[in-house]
Amino acid sequence: MEQAAVQWSNILLSLALRFIAVIVVLGVLQLALYASGAIVSRLISARRRGASST
């Protein structure tokens, strides 16, 4: 029986696509964290302004 040849191009392409996908997912999570941080800091500053005026 012959052994199947290892197709390095497919292996490298799969690894590259997985690497890119991980980077994209991490970027989306980073943007979500930035957005939620901005929302929370606006809520905190609005609450502080409201508490200090009364």
Protein backbone atom coordinates (compact mmCIF):
# COMPACT_ATOMS: atom_id res chain seq x y z
CA MET A 1 0.00 0.00 0.00
CA GLU A 2 1.20 3.44 -0.86
CA GLN A 3 1.18 6.19 1.70
CA ALA A 4 -0.68 9.34 0.83
CA ALA A 5 1.60 12.28 0.18
CA VAL A 6 1.48 15.04 2.76
CA GLN A 7 0.09 18.16 1.16
CA TRP A 8 2.01 20.88 2.95
CA SER A 9 0.23 23.64 1.06
CA ASN A 10 -3.11 22.58 2.54
CA ILE A 11 -1.63 22.28 6.03
CA LEU A 12 0.02 25.70 5.88
CA LEU A 13 -3.09 27.31 4.41
CA SER A 14 -5.23 25.82 7.17
CA LEU A 15 -2.84 27.06 9.86
CA ALA A 16 -2.69 30.53 8.32
CA LEU A 17 -6.48 30.76 8.11
CA ARG A 18 -6.84 29.67 11.73
CA PHE A 19 -4.25 32.23 12.82
CA ILE A 20 -6.03 35.01 10.93
CA ALA A 21 -9.40 33.91 12.34
CA VAL A 22 -8.03 34.03 15.90
CA ILE A 23 -6.63 37.53 15.30
CA VAL A 24 -9.98 38.71 13.90
CA VAL A 25 -11.93 37.26 16.82
CA LEU A 26 -9.55 38.85 19.33
CA GLY A 27 -9.90 42.19 17.51
CA VAL A 28 -13.69 42.01 17.69
CA LEU A 29 -13.50 41.21 21.41
CA GLN A 30 -11.13 44.15 21.93
CA LEU A 31 -13.53 46.51 20.17
CA ALA A 32 -16.41 45.19 22.29
CA LEU A 33 -14.37 45.84 25.44
CA TYR A 34 -13.57 49.38 24.29
CA ALA A 35 -17.26 50.05 23.58
CA SER A 36 -18.47 48.64 26.88
CA GLY A 37 -15.77 50.58 28.74
CA ALA A 38 -16.87 53.80 27.08
CA ILE A 39 -20.50 53.14 27.97
CA VAL A 40 -19.68 52.34 31.60
CA SER A 41 -17.45 55.40 32.00
CA ARG A 42 -20.21 57.63 30.55
CA LEU A 43 -22.73 56.14 32.96
CA ILE A 44 -20.40 56.65 35.91
CA SER A 45 -19.62 60.25 34.94
CA ALA A 46 -23.34 60.99 34.41
CA ARG A 47 -24.14 59.51 37.81
CA ARG A 48 -21.38 61.56 39.46
CA ARG A 49 -22.62 64.75 37.78
CA GLY A 50 -26.16 64.00 38.86
CA ALA A 51 -25.14 63.29 42.45
CA SER A 52 -22.94 66.36 42.77
CA SER A 53 -25.62 68.77 41.46
CA THR A 54 -28.19 67.78 44.10
